[in-house]
Amino acid sequence: SPQTYLGQASAEEIITWSLNTFLHG
């Protein structure tokens, strides 16, 4: 799922996804 929509994402988009997905840890 992440690879589908983050494969060409910007660094900022990947960082935002990371924070939203892994709020803890």
PDB file of all heavy atoms in Angstrom:
ATOM      1  N   SER A   1       0.807  -1.206   0.000  1.00  0.00           N
ATOM      2  CA  SER A   1       0.000   0.000   0.000  1.00  0.00           C
ATOM      3  C   SER A   1       0.848   1.267   0.000  1.00  0.00           C
ATOM      4  O   SER A   1       0.662   2.122  -0.862  1.00  0.00           O
ATOM      5  CB  SER A   1      -0.975  -0.006   1.189  1.00  0.00           C
ATOM      6  OG  SER A   1      -1.750   1.159   1.194  1.00  0.00           O
ATOM      7  N   PRO A   2       1.800   1.441   0.927  1.00  0.00           N
ATOM      8  CA  PRO A   2       2.639   2.632   0.886  1.00  0.00           C
ATOM      9  C   PRO A   2       3.422   2.764  -0.413  1.00  0.00           C
ATOM     10  O   PRO A   2       3.553   3.860  -0.947  1.00  0.00           O
ATOM     11  CB  PRO A   2       3.574   2.451   2.084  1.00  0.00           C
ATOM     12  CG  PRO A   2       2.835   1.564   3.000  1.00  0.00           C
ATOM     13  CD  PRO A   2       2.056   0.640   2.115  1.00  0.00           C
ATOM     14  N   GLN A   3       3.936   1.645  -0.920  1.00  0.00           N
ATOM     15  CA  GLN A   3       4.710   1.722  -2.154  1.00  0.00           C
ATOM     16  C   GLN A   3       3.857   2.210  -3.316  1.00  0.00           C
ATOM     17  O   GLN A   3       4.347   2.879  -4.219  1.00  0.00           O
ATOM     18  CB  GLN A   3       5.323   0.356  -2.484  1.00  0.00           C
ATOM     19  CG  GLN A   3       6.498  -0.026  -1.603  1.00  0.00           C
ATOM     20  CD  GLN A   3       7.711   0.852  -1.840  1.00  0.00           C
ATOM     21  OE1 GLN A   3       7.724   1.676  -2.743  1.00  0.00           O
ATOM     22  NE2 GLN A   3       8.717   0.700  -1.029  1.00  0.00           N
ATOM     23  N   THR A   4       2.584   1.897  -3.271  1.00  0.00           N
ATOM     24  CA  THR A   4       1.694   2.283  -4.364  1.00  0.00           C
ATOM     25  C   THR A   4       1.602   3.789  -4.501  1.00  0.00           C
ATOM     26  O   THR A   4       1.695   4.337  -5.599  1.00  0.00           O
ATOM     27  CB  THR A   4       0.289   1.690  -4.151  1.00  0.00           C
ATOM     28  OG1 THR A   4       0.388   0.270  -4.134  1.00  0.00           O
ATOM     29  CG2 THR A   4      -0.653   2.118  -5.265  1.00  0.00           C
ATOM     30  N   TYR A   5       1.446   4.470  -3.359  1.00  0.00           N
ATOM     31  CA  TYR A   5       1.249   5.916  -3.461  1.00  0.00           C
ATOM     32  C   TYR A   5       2.423   6.744  -2.962  1.00  0.00           C
ATOM     33  O   TYR A   5       2.395   7.966  -3.033  1.00  0.00           O
ATOM     34  CB  TYR A   5      -0.034   6.334  -2.722  1.00  0.00           C
ATOM     35  CG  TYR A   5      -0.066   6.052  -1.244  1.00  0.00           C
ATOM     36  CD1 TYR A   5       0.437   6.978  -0.334  1.00  0.00           C
ATOM     37  CD2 TYR A   5      -0.626   4.881  -0.750  1.00  0.00           C
ATOM     38  CE1 TYR A   5       0.394   6.718   1.033  1.00  0.00           C
ATOM     39  CE2 TYR A   5      -0.667   4.624   0.600  1.00  0.00           C
ATOM     40  CZ  TYR A   5      -0.166   5.536   1.490  1.00  0.00           C
ATOM     41  OH  TYR A   5      -0.204   5.296   2.838  1.00  0.00           O
ATOM     42  N   LEU A   6       3.473   6.100  -2.462  1.00  0.00           N
ATOM     43  CA  LEU A   6       4.637   6.843  -2.005  1.00  0.00           C
ATOM     44  C   LEU A   6       5.875   6.562  -2.843  1.00  0.00           C
ATOM     45  O   LEU A   6       6.933   7.107  -2.572  1.00  0.00           O
ATOM     46  CB  LEU A   6       4.932   6.528  -0.543  1.00  0.00           C
ATOM     47  CG  LEU A   6       3.934   7.078   0.489  1.00  0.00           C
ATOM     48  CD1 LEU A   6       4.303   6.592   1.883  1.00  0.00           C
ATOM     49  CD2 LEU A   6       3.874   8.590   0.457  1.00  0.00           C
ATOM     50  N   GLY A   7       5.731   5.716  -3.851  1.00  0.00           N
ATOM     51  CA  GLY A   7       6.878   5.369  -4.680  1.00  0.00           C
ATOM     52  C   GLY A   7       7.544   6.572  -5.308  1.00  0.00           C
ATOM     53  O   GLY A   7       8.771   6.622  -5.442  1.00  0.00           O
ATOM     54  N   GLN A   8       6.753   7.570  -5.701  1.00  0.00           N
ATOM     55  CA  GLN A   8       7.287   8.782  -6.315  1.00  0.00           C
ATOM     56  C   GLN A   8       7.028  10.004  -5.441  1.00  0.00           C
ATOM     57  O   GLN A   8       7.070  11.137  -5.927  1.00  0.00           O
ATOM     58  CB  GLN A   8       6.644   8.979  -7.698  1.00  0.00           C
ATOM     59  CG  GLN A   8       6.877   7.838  -8.671  1.00  0.00           C
ATOM     60  CD  GLN A   8       8.355   7.585  -8.923  1.00  0.00           C
ATOM     61  OE1 GLN A   8       9.137   8.531  -9.062  1.00  0.00           O
ATOM     62  NE2 GLN A   8       8.750   6.321  -8.981  1.00  0.00           N
ATOM     63  N   ALA A   9       6.735   9.773  -4.172  1.00  0.00           N
ATOM     64  CA  ALA A   9       6.407  10.878  -3.268  1.00  0.00           C
ATOM     65  C   ALA A   9       7.645  11.702  -2.935  1.00  0.00           C
ATOM     66  O   ALA A   9       8.783  11.224  -3.027  1.00  0.00           O
ATOM     67  CB  ALA A   9       5.784  10.330  -1.987  1.00  0.00           C
ATOM     68  N   SER A  10       7.414  12.942  -2.544  1.00  0.00           N
ATOM     69  CA  SER A  10       8.517  13.803  -2.115  1.00  0.00           C
ATOM     70  C   SER A  10       8.996  13.378  -0.732  1.00  0.00           C
ATOM     71  O   SER A  10       8.311  12.640  -0.012  1.00  0.00           O
ATOM     72  CB  SER A  10       8.049  15.260  -2.059  1.00  0.00           C
ATOM     73  OG  SER A  10       7.098  15.430  -1.010  1.00  0.00           O
ATOM     74  N   ALA A  11      10.162  13.863  -0.355  1.00  0.00           N
ATOM     75  CA  ALA A  11      10.692  13.556   0.972  1.00  0.00           C
ATOM     76  C   ALA A  11       9.725  14.024   2.052  1.00  0.00           C
ATOM     77  O   ALA A  11       9.490  13.320   3.045  1.00  0.00           O
ATOM     78  CB  ALA A  11      12.059  14.216   1.150  1.00  0.00           C
ATOM     79  N   GLU A  12       9.152  15.204   1.867  1.00  0.00           N
ATOM     80  CA  GLU A  12       8.221  15.744   2.854  1.00  0.00           C
ATOM     81  C   GLU A  12       6.976  14.875   2.981  1.00  0.00           C
ATOM     82  O   GLU A  12       6.469  14.659   4.093  1.00  0.00           O
ATOM     83  CB  GLU A  12       7.823  17.173   2.471  1.00  0.00           C
ATOM     84  CG  GLU A  12       8.933  18.197   2.584  1.00  0.00           C
ATOM     85  CD  GLU A  12       9.877  18.223   1.394  1.00  0.00           C
ATOM     86  OE1 GLU A  12       9.663  17.427   0.447  1.00  0.00           O
ATOM     87  OE2 GLU A  12      10.813  19.026   1.396  1.00  0.00           O
ATOM     88  N   GLU A  13       6.482  14.370   1.877  1.00  0.00           N
ATOM     89  CA  GLU A  13       5.303  13.502   1.919  1.00  0.00           C
ATOM     90  C   GLU A  13       5.603  12.184   2.629  1.00  0.00           C
ATOM     91  O   GLU A  13       4.770  11.673   3.380  1.00  0.00           O
ATOM     92  CB  GLU A  13       4.804  13.242   0.490  1.00  0.00           C
ATOM     93  CG  GLU A  13       4.166  14.461  -0.156  1.00  0.00           C
ATOM     94  CD  GLU A  13       3.902  14.262  -1.640  1.00  0.00           C
ATOM     95  OE1 GLU A  13       4.613  13.444  -2.272  1.00  0.00           O
ATOM     96  OE2 GLU A  13       3.000  14.931  -2.171  1.00  0.00           O
ATOM     97  N   ILE A  14       6.782  11.644   2.397  1.00  0.00           N
ATOM     98  CA  ILE A  14       7.160  10.393   3.058  1.00  0.00           C
ATOM     99  C   ILE A  14       7.317  10.615   4.563  1.00  0.00           C
ATOM    100  O   ILE A  14       6.887   9.783   5.374  1.00  0.00           O
ATOM    101  CB  ILE A  14       8.467   9.834   2.458  1.00  0.00           C
ATOM    102  CG1 ILE A  14       8.225   9.402   1.003  1.00  0.00           C
ATOM    103  CG2 ILE A  14       8.989   8.664   3.277  1.00  0.00           C
ATOM    104  CD1 ILE A  14       9.468   8.956   0.275  1.00  0.00           C
ATOM    105  N   ILE A  15       7.892  11.733   4.942  1.00  0.00           N
ATOM    106  CA  ILE A  15       8.053  12.038   6.365  1.00  0.00           C
ATOM    107  C   ILE A  15       6.690  12.202   7.030  1.00  0.00           C
ATOM    108  O   ILE A  15       6.461  11.687   8.142  1.00  0.00           O
ATOM    109  CB  ILE A  15       8.913  13.312   6.546  1.00  0.00           C
ATOM    110  CG1 ILE A  15      10.351  13.038   6.090  1.00  0.00           C
ATOM    111  CG2 ILE A  15       8.893  13.772   7.998  1.00  0.00           C
ATOM    112  CD1 ILE A  15      11.204  14.284   5.986  1.00  0.00           C
ATOM    113  N   THR A  16       5.778  12.911   6.376  1.00  0.00           N
ATOM    114  CA  THR A  16       4.434  13.101   6.929  1.00  0.00           C
ATOM    115  C   THR A  16       3.717  11.768   7.067  1.00  0.00           C
ATOM    116  O   THR A  16       3.065  11.499   8.090  1.00  0.00           O
ATOM    117  CB  THR A  16       3.621  14.053   6.033  1.00  0.00           C
ATOM    118  OG1 THR A  16       4.279  15.322   5.985  1.00  0.00           O
ATOM    119  CG2 THR A  16       2.209  14.238   6.574  1.00  0.00           C
ATOM    120  N   TRP A  17       3.830  10.905   6.055  1.00  0.00           N
ATOM    121  CA  TRP A  17       3.224   9.568   6.131  1.00  0.00           C
ATOM    122  C   TRP A  17       3.810   8.785   7.304  1.00  0.00           C
ATOM    123  O   TRP A  17       3.078   8.115   8.041  1.00  0.00           O
ATOM    124  CB  TRP A  17       3.468   8.809   4.831  1.00  0.00           C
ATOM    125  CG  TRP A  17       3.027   7.375   4.888  1.00  0.00           C
ATOM    126  CD1 TRP A  17       1.782   6.878   4.620  1.00  0.00           C
ATOM    127  CD2 TRP A  17       3.835   6.242   5.263  1.00  0.00           C
ATOM    128  NE1 TRP A  17       1.756   5.521   4.810  1.00  0.00           N
ATOM    129  CE2 TRP A  17       2.997   5.095   5.203  1.00  0.00           C
ATOM    130  CE3 TRP A  17       5.159   6.086   5.645  1.00  0.00           C
ATOM    131  CZ2 TRP A  17       3.463   3.817   5.505  1.00  0.00           C
ATOM    132  CZ3 TRP A  17       5.616   4.815   5.950  1.00  0.00           C
ATOM    133  CH2 TRP A  17       4.777   3.697   5.879  1.00  0.00           C
ATOM    134  N   SER A  18       5.103   8.898   7.506  1.00  0.00           N
ATOM    135  CA  SER A  18       5.770   8.174   8.590  1.00  0.00           C
ATOM    136  C   SER A  18       5.221   8.588   9.941  1.00  0.00           C
ATOM    137  O   SER A  18       4.941   7.750  10.804  1.00  0.00           O
ATOM    138  CB  SER A  18       7.278   8.437   8.547  1.00  0.00           C
ATOM    139  OG  SER A  18       7.829   8.075   7.303  1.00  0.00           O
ATOM    140  N   LEU A  19       5.066   9.894  10.139  1.00  0.00           N
ATOM    141  CA  LEU A  19       4.560  10.401  11.409  1.00  0.00           C
ATOM    142  C   LEU A  19       3.127   9.958  11.642  1.00  0.00           C
ATOM    143  O   LEU A  19       2.763   9.539  12.747  1.00  0.00           O
ATOM    144  CB  LEU A  19       4.653  11.924  11.434  1.00  0.00           C
ATOM    145  CG  LEU A  19       4.112  12.608  12.699  1.00  0.00           C
ATOM    146  CD1 LEU A  19       4.871  12.141  13.931  1.00  0.00           C
ATOM    147  CD2 LEU A  19       4.206  14.128  12.552  1.00  0.00           C
ATOM    148  N   ASN A  20       2.311  10.011  10.607  1.00  0.00           N
ATOM    149  CA  ASN A  20       0.907   9.637  10.739  1.00  0.00           C
ATOM    150  C   ASN A  20       0.729   8.136  10.950  1.00  0.00           C
ATOM    151  O   ASN A  20      -0.208   7.694  11.619  1.00  0.00           O
ATOM    152  CB  ASN A  20       0.123  10.072   9.507  1.00  0.00           C
ATOM    153  CG  ASN A  20       0.012  11.578   9.389  1.00  0.00           C
ATOM    154  OD1 ASN A  20       0.139  12.296  10.391  1.00  0.00           O
ATOM    155  ND2 ASN A  20      -0.195  12.085   8.182  1.00  0.00           N
ATOM    156  N   THR A  21       1.626   7.352  10.374  1.00  0.00           N
ATOM    157  CA  THR A  21       1.506   5.897  10.450  1.00  0.00           C
ATOM    158  C   THR A  21       2.108   5.339  11.733  1.00  0.00           C
ATOM    159  O   THR A  21       1.576   4.398  12.327  1.00  0.00           O
ATOM    160  CB  THR A  21       2.195   5.247   9.233  1.00  0.00           C
ATOM    161  OG1 THR A  21       1.626   5.788   8.030  1.00  0.00           O
ATOM    162  CG2 THR A  21       1.997   3.730   9.240  1.00  0.00           C
ATOM    163  N   PHE A  22       3.230   5.924  12.161  1.00  0.00           N
ATOM    164  CA  PHE A  22       3.946   5.416  13.335  1.00  0.00           C
ATOM    165  C   PHE A  22       4.039   6.526  14.379  1.00  0.00           C
ATOM    166  O   PHE A  22       5.114   7.060  14.642  1.00  0.00           O
ATOM    167  CB  PHE A  22       5.340   4.936  12.950  1.00  0.00           C
ATOM    168  CG  PHE A  22       5.342   3.853  11.902  1.00  0.00           C
ATOM    169  CD1 PHE A  22       5.591   4.153  10.578  1.00  0.00           C
ATOM    170  CD2 PHE A  22       5.091   2.537  12.253  1.00  0.00           C
ATOM    171  CE1 PHE A  22       5.599   3.157   9.605  1.00  0.00           C
ATOM    172  CE2 PHE A  22       5.094   1.536  11.291  1.00  0.00           C
ATOM    173  CZ  PHE A  22       5.340   1.848   9.964  1.00  0.00           C
ATOM    174  N   LEU A  23       2.911   6.859  14.948  1.00  0.00           N
ATOM    175  CA  LEU A  23       2.892   7.930  15.944  1.00  0.00           C
ATOM    176  C   LEU A  23       3.792   7.594  17.116  1.00  0.00           C
ATOM    177  O   LEU A  23       4.465   8.457  17.684  1.00  0.00           O
ATOM    178  CB  LEU A  23       1.449   8.157  16.433  1.00  0.00           C
ATOM    179  CG  LEU A  23       1.253   9.299  17.422  1.00  0.00           C
ATOM    180  CD1 LEU A  23       1.692  10.620  16.798  1.00  0.00           C
ATOM    181  CD2 LEU A  23      -0.211   9.377  17.859  1.00  0.00           C
ATOM    182  N   HIS A  24       3.816   6.309  17.481  1.00  0.00           N
ATOM    183  CA  HIS A  24       4.693   5.849  18.555  1.00  0.00           C
ATOM    184  C   HIS A  24       5.678   4.833  17.976  1.00  0.00           C
ATOM    185  O   HIS A  24       5.330   4.027  17.129  1.00  0.00           O
ATOM    186  CB  HIS A  24       3.882   5.212  19.678  1.00  0.00           C
ATOM    187  CG  HIS A  24       2.847   6.125  20.263  1.00  0.00           C
ATOM    188  ND1 HIS A  24       3.167   7.213  21.029  1.00  0.00           N
ATOM    189  CD2 HIS A  24       1.494   6.110  20.175  1.00  0.00           C
ATOM    190  CE1 HIS A  24       2.073   7.838  21.404  1.00  0.00           C
ATOM    191  NE2 HIS A  24       1.032   7.191  20.900  1.00  0.00           N
ATOM    192  N   GLY A  25       6.909   4.880  18.438  1.00  0.00           N
ATOM    193  CA  GLY A  25       7.909   3.920  17.976  1.00  0.00           C
ATOM    194  C   GLY A  25       8.641   4.343  16.723  1.00  0.00           C
ATOM    195  O   GLY A  25       9.299   3.516  16.091  1.00  0.00           O
TER     196      GLY A  25
END
